[in-house]
Amino acid sequence: MRGDYFDATEKGWCAVELMRKALLVAVSIPLEKAKNLEFSMPNLH
């Protein structure tokens, strides 16, 4: 049962990442830059 939660969480996170990349590419950010997590994550420090 615990594995089901981890699998569901992983699939959910994958969907979020795909949506993030699609949004960045839709606003003309190159795919190579969109794949880079440092570029797309806000710095909250």
Protein backbone atom coordinates (compact mmCIF):
# COMPACT_ATOMS: atom_id res chain seq x y z
CA MET A 1 0.00 0.00 0.00
CA ARG A 2 2.82 2.41 0.84
CA GLY A 3 4.35 1.84 -2.58
CA ASP A 4 1.09 2.96 -4.17
CA TYR A 5 1.43 6.38 -2.52
CA PHE A 6 5.01 6.74 -3.72
CA ASP A 7 4.05 5.70 -7.26
CA ALA A 8 1.14 8.14 -7.31
CA THR A 9 3.35 10.94 -5.98
CA GLU A 10 6.02 10.23 -8.58
CA LYS A 11 3.46 10.25 -11.40
CA GLY A 12 1.93 13.47 -10.09
CA TRP A 13 5.33 15.17 -9.90
CA CYS A 14 6.13 13.98 -13.42
CA ALA A 15 2.91 15.61 -14.65
CA VAL A 16 3.83 18.88 -12.92
CA GLU A 17 7.30 18.83 -14.50
CA LEU A 18 5.87 18.16 -17.97
CA MET A 19 3.38 21.02 -17.59
CA ARG A 20 6.18 23.35 -16.42
CA LYS A 21 8.33 22.48 -19.43
CA ALA A 22 5.39 22.85 -21.83
CA LEU A 23 4.53 26.27 -20.41
CA LEU A 24 8.11 27.50 -20.70
CA VAL A 25 8.39 26.25 -24.29
CA ALA A 26 5.00 27.84 -25.10
CA VAL A 27 6.35 31.26 -24.05
CA SER A 28 9.36 30.80 -26.36
CA ILE A 29 11.91 29.53 -23.83
CA PRO A 30 14.19 27.02 -25.60
CA LEU A 31 13.63 23.41 -24.55
CA GLU A 32 17.24 23.03 -23.40
CA LYS A 33 16.74 25.91 -20.96
CA ALA A 34 13.31 24.63 -19.91
CA LYS A 35 14.84 21.27 -18.97
CA ASN A 36 17.23 23.02 -16.59
CA LEU A 37 15.61 23.13 -13.16
CA GLU A 38 17.81 26.01 -11.96
CA PHE A 39 16.44 28.27 -14.70
CA SER A 40 12.78 27.70 -13.91
CA MET A 41 12.73 27.55 -10.11
CA PRO A 42 12.34 30.88 -8.33
CA ASN A 43 15.00 31.77 -5.79
CA LEU A 44 13.15 32.55 -2.55
CA HIS A 45 16.18 33.48 -0.46
